[in-house]
Amino acid sequence: MFTCGRYDFAGEWAYRVGVPAKSGVSGGVLAVLNRQLGIAVYSPRLDANGNSARGIKVCIDLAEEFALHAFDVMNFGSSFLRVL
């Protein structure tokens, strides 16, 4: 899901959000933190790449707020559940 789940936006998604995700042309986004958390977002307004524009924004905000980025050097094992 990390490298292919977001169509032409996959590389930028991995860099900006850092959470494996799959999107659909209906506006759905499903992001997964292995064995910890699943995020589902639905908003039918699509961007030029065919991804949910608001779904991208929500996932970016959540990843920043809870330090979910997989490539963040300060993220010691995606400790989302231990934080809450």
N, C-alpha and C. Protein backbone atom coordinates (compact mmCIF):
# COMPACT_ATOMS: atom_id res chain seq x y z
N MET A 1 0.81 -1.20 0.00
CA MET A 1 0.00 0.00 0.00
C MET A 1 0.86 1.26 0.00
N PHE A 2 2.05 1.16 0.55
CA PHE A 2 2.86 2.37 0.66
C PHE A 2 3.27 2.93 -0.69
N THR A 3 3.64 2.06 -1.62
CA THR A 3 4.19 2.53 -2.88
C THR A 3 3.18 2.57 -4.02
N CYS A 4 2.02 1.96 -3.87
CA CYS A 4 1.09 1.87 -4.99
C CYS A 4 -0.34 2.30 -4.67
N GLY A 5 -0.69 2.47 -3.44
CA GLY A 5 -2.08 2.65 -3.06
C GLY A 5 -2.68 4.01 -3.34
N ARG A 6 -1.89 4.97 -3.81
CA ARG A 6 -2.39 6.32 -4.01
C ARG A 6 -2.25 6.81 -5.44
N TYR A 7 -2.16 5.88 -6.39
CA TYR A 7 -2.04 6.23 -7.81
C TYR A 7 -0.79 7.09 -8.04
N ASP A 8 -0.89 8.19 -8.75
CA ASP A 8 0.26 9.04 -9.05
C ASP A 8 0.74 9.85 -7.85
N PHE A 9 -0.01 9.83 -6.77
CA PHE A 9 0.31 10.60 -5.56
C PHE A 9 1.07 9.75 -4.54
N ALA A 10 1.37 8.49 -4.86
CA ALA A 10 1.94 7.54 -3.89
C ALA A 10 3.26 8.02 -3.30
N GLY A 11 4.17 8.50 -4.13
CA GLY A 11 5.46 8.95 -3.62
C GLY A 11 5.36 10.15 -2.71
N GLU A 12 4.57 11.12 -3.12
CA GLU A 12 4.40 12.31 -2.29
C GLU A 12 3.66 11.97 -0.99
N TRP A 13 2.71 11.05 -1.07
CA TRP A 13 1.99 10.59 0.12
C TRP A 13 2.97 9.98 1.13
N ALA A 14 3.84 9.10 0.66
CA ALA A 14 4.82 8.47 1.55
C ALA A 14 5.72 9.51 2.19
N TYR A 15 6.10 10.53 1.43
CA TYR A 15 6.97 11.58 1.94
C TYR A 15 6.25 12.51 2.92
N ARG A 16 5.05 12.96 2.55
CA ARG A 16 4.33 13.95 3.36
C ARG A 16 3.59 13.36 4.54
N VAL A 17 2.93 12.20 4.33
CA VAL A 17 2.09 11.63 5.38
C VAL A 17 2.80 10.50 6.11
N GLY A 18 3.41 9.59 5.37
CA GLY A 18 4.19 8.53 5.98
C GLY A 18 3.38 7.39 6.57
N VAL A 19 2.14 7.23 6.14
CA VAL A 19 1.28 6.16 6.62
C VAL A 19 0.79 5.39 5.40
N PRO A 20 0.97 4.06 5.35
CA PRO A 20 0.47 3.30 4.21
C PRO A 20 -1.03 3.51 4.04
N ALA A 21 -1.48 3.73 2.81
CA ALA A 21 -2.89 4.02 2.58
C ALA A 21 -3.31 3.57 1.19
N LYS A 22 -4.61 3.37 1.04
CA LYS A 22 -5.23 3.05 -0.23
C LYS A 22 -6.39 4.01 -0.44
N SER A 23 -6.50 4.52 -1.65
CA SER A 23 -7.62 5.41 -1.95
C SER A 23 -8.44 4.81 -3.07
N GLY A 24 -9.65 5.31 -3.19
CA GLY A 24 -10.54 4.89 -4.26
C GLY A 24 -11.10 6.09 -4.98
N VAL A 25 -11.52 5.89 -6.21
CA VAL A 25 -12.03 7.01 -7.00
C VAL A 25 -13.39 7.50 -6.51
N SER A 26 -13.97 6.82 -5.53
CA SER A 26 -15.23 7.29 -4.95
C SER A 26 -14.99 8.32 -3.86
N GLY A 27 -13.73 8.51 -3.44
CA GLY A 27 -13.42 9.50 -2.41
C GLY A 27 -13.03 8.89 -1.08
N GLY A 28 -12.91 7.59 -1.01
CA GLY A 28 -12.53 6.92 0.23
C GLY A 28 -11.03 6.81 0.38
N VAL A 29 -10.57 6.88 1.61
CA VAL A 29 -9.15 6.70 1.94
C VAL A 29 -9.09 5.77 3.14
N LEU A 30 -8.26 4.74 3.06
CA LEU A 30 -8.04 3.82 4.17
C LEU A 30 -6.55 3.80 4.47
N ALA A 31 -6.17 4.25 5.66
CA ALA A 31 -4.77 4.27 6.09
C ALA A 31 -4.61 3.31 7.25
N VAL A 32 -3.43 2.68 7.35
CA VAL A 32 -3.22 1.63 8.33
C VAL A 32 -1.87 1.79 9.02
N LEU A 33 -1.88 1.75 10.34
CA LEU A 33 -0.66 1.61 11.12
C LEU A 33 -0.64 0.18 11.63
N ASN A 34 0.34 -0.56 11.20
CA ASN A 34 0.39 -1.99 11.46
C ASN A 34 0.14 -2.35 12.93
N ARG A 35 -0.87 -3.15 13.15
CA ARG A 35 -1.25 -3.68 14.47
C ARG A 35 -1.59 -2.61 15.49
N GLN A 36 -1.91 -1.39 15.03
CA GLN A 36 -2.22 -0.33 15.97
C GLN A 36 -3.47 0.45 15.65
N LEU A 37 -3.63 0.85 14.38
CA LEU A 37 -4.65 1.85 14.09
C LEU A 37 -5.06 1.77 12.63
N GLY A 38 -6.32 1.94 12.37
CA GLY A 38 -6.83 2.10 11.02
C GLY A 38 -7.60 3.41 10.93
N ILE A 39 -7.42 4.13 9.84
CA ILE A 39 -8.10 5.41 9.63
C ILE A 39 -8.89 5.30 8.35
N ALA A 40 -10.17 5.58 8.42
CA ALA A 40 -11.01 5.60 7.22
C ALA A 40 -11.62 6.99 7.08
N VAL A 41 -11.49 7.55 5.88
CA VAL A 41 -11.99 8.90 5.59
C VAL A 41 -12.76 8.83 4.28
N TYR A 42 -13.87 9.55 4.23
CA TYR A 42 -14.64 9.61 2.98
C TYR A 42 -15.04 11.04 2.69
N SER A 43 -14.68 11.51 1.52
CA SER A 43 -15.12 12.80 1.02
C SER A 43 -15.01 12.74 -0.50
N PRO A 44 -16.11 12.87 -1.21
CA PRO A 44 -16.11 12.62 -2.65
C PRO A 44 -15.44 13.67 -3.53
N ARG A 45 -15.08 14.82 -3.01
CA ARG A 45 -14.38 15.81 -3.85
C ARG A 45 -12.96 15.33 -4.12
N LEU A 46 -12.64 15.10 -5.40
CA LEU A 46 -11.34 14.54 -5.78
C LEU A 46 -10.40 15.62 -6.30
N ASP A 47 -9.11 15.37 -6.13
CA ASP A 47 -8.10 16.27 -6.69
C ASP A 47 -7.72 15.81 -8.10
N ALA A 48 -6.71 16.41 -8.69
CA ALA A 48 -6.31 16.09 -10.06
C ALA A 48 -5.79 14.66 -10.20
N ASN A 49 -5.30 14.05 -9.11
CA ASN A 49 -4.80 12.68 -9.16
C ASN A 49 -5.87 11.64 -8.90
N GLY A 50 -7.10 12.06 -8.63
CA GLY A 50 -8.19 11.14 -8.36
C GLY A 50 -8.28 10.70 -6.91
N ASN A 51 -7.68 11.46 -6.01
CA ASN A 51 -7.73 11.17 -4.57
C ASN A 51 -8.62 12.18 -3.86
N SER A 52 -9.16 11.78 -2.74
CA SER A 52 -10.02 12.65 -1.96
C SER A 52 -9.22 13.84 -1.42
N ALA A 53 -9.57 15.05 -1.82
CA ALA A 53 -8.84 16.25 -1.40
C ALA A 53 -8.94 16.45 0.11
N ARG A 54 -10.11 16.31 0.67
CA ARG A 54 -10.27 16.48 2.12
C ARG A 54 -9.70 15.30 2.88
N GLY A 55 -9.77 14.11 2.30
CA GLY A 55 -9.19 12.92 2.93
C GLY A 55 -7.69 13.06 3.11
N ILE A 56 -7.04 13.63 2.12
CA ILE A 56 -5.60 13.88 2.21
C ILE A 56 -5.31 14.84 3.35
N LYS A 57 -6.08 15.91 3.43
CA LYS A 57 -5.88 16.92 4.47
C LYS A 57 -6.07 16.33 5.87
N VAL A 58 -7.12 15.53 6.04
CA VAL A 58 -7.38 14.91 7.35
C VAL A 58 -6.24 13.98 7.74
N CYS A 59 -5.78 13.16 6.81
CA CYS A 59 -4.70 12.23 7.11
C CYS A 59 -3.39 12.95 7.42
N ILE A 60 -3.10 14.02 6.70
CA ILE A 60 -1.91 14.82 6.99
C ILE A 60 -2.00 15.41 8.40
N ASP A 61 -3.15 15.96 8.74
CA ASP A 61 -3.33 16.55 10.07
C ASP A 61 -3.19 15.50 11.18
N LEU A 62 -3.79 14.32 10.99
CA LEU A 62 -3.68 13.26 12.00
C LEU A 62 -2.24 12.76 12.13
N ALA A 63 -1.55 12.59 11.01
CA ALA A 63 -0.17 12.12 11.04
C ALA A 63 0.73 13.12 11.77
N GLU A 64 0.49 14.40 11.56
CA GLU A 64 1.29 15.42 12.25
C GLU A 64 0.94 15.50 13.73
N GLU A 65 -0.35 15.47 14.04
CA GLU A 65 -0.81 15.61 15.43
C GLU A 65 -0.33 14.47 16.32
N PHE A 66 -0.36 13.24 15.79
CA PHE A 66 -0.03 12.07 16.60
C PHE A 66 1.32 11.44 16.23
N ALA A 67 2.13 12.14 15.43
CA ALA A 67 3.47 11.66 15.04
C ALA A 67 3.41 10.25 14.48
N LEU A 68 2.61 10.06 13.44
CA LEU A 68 2.40 8.74 12.86
C LEU A 68 3.33 8.43 11.69
N HIS A 69 4.11 9.38 11.23
CA HIS A 69 4.94 9.20 10.04
C HIS A 69 5.93 8.06 10.25
N ALA A 70 5.92 7.08 9.35
CA ALA A 70 6.76 5.89 9.47
C ALA A 70 8.24 6.20 9.35
N PHE A 71 8.60 7.28 8.66
CA PHE A 71 9.99 7.62 8.44
C PHE A 71 10.49 8.73 9.36
N ASP A 72 9.71 9.09 10.34
CA ASP A 72 10.13 10.11 11.30
C ASP A 72 11.14 9.50 12.27
N VAL A 73 12.33 10.08 12.35
CA VAL A 73 13.37 9.50 13.20
C VAL A 73 13.03 9.59 14.69
N MET A 74 12.13 10.46 15.05
CA MET A 74 11.71 10.56 16.45
C MET A 74 10.54 9.63 16.79
N ASN A 75 10.04 8.92 15.79
CA ASN A 75 8.92 8.00 15.98
C ASN A 75 9.48 6.63 16.34
N PHE A 76 9.47 6.29 17.59
CA PHE A 76 10.02 5.02 18.05
C PHE A 76 8.95 3.93 18.01
N GLY A 77 8.78 3.33 16.83
CA GLY A 77 7.86 2.21 16.69
C GLY A 77 6.40 2.60 16.64
N SER A 78 6.08 3.77 16.09
CA SER A 78 4.70 4.23 15.99
C SER A 78 3.95 4.04 17.31
N SER A 79 4.36 4.78 18.30
CA SER A 79 3.85 4.60 19.66
C SER A 79 2.52 5.30 19.89
N PHE A 80 1.66 5.29 18.90
CA PHE A 80 0.37 5.97 19.01
C PHE A 80 -0.43 5.48 20.21
N LEU A 81 -0.54 4.18 20.39
CA LEU A 81 -1.37 3.65 21.47
C LEU A 81 -0.78 3.94 22.84
N ARG A 82 0.52 4.01 22.97
CA ARG A 82 1.14 4.32 24.25
C ARG A 82 0.96 5.80 24.62
N VAL A 83 0.84 6.67 23.62
CA VAL A 83 0.67 8.10 23.88
C VAL A 83 -0.68 8.38 24.50
N LEU A 84 -1.71 7.75 23.98
CA LEU A 84 -3.05 7.98 24.50
C LEU A 84 -3.23 7.21 25.75
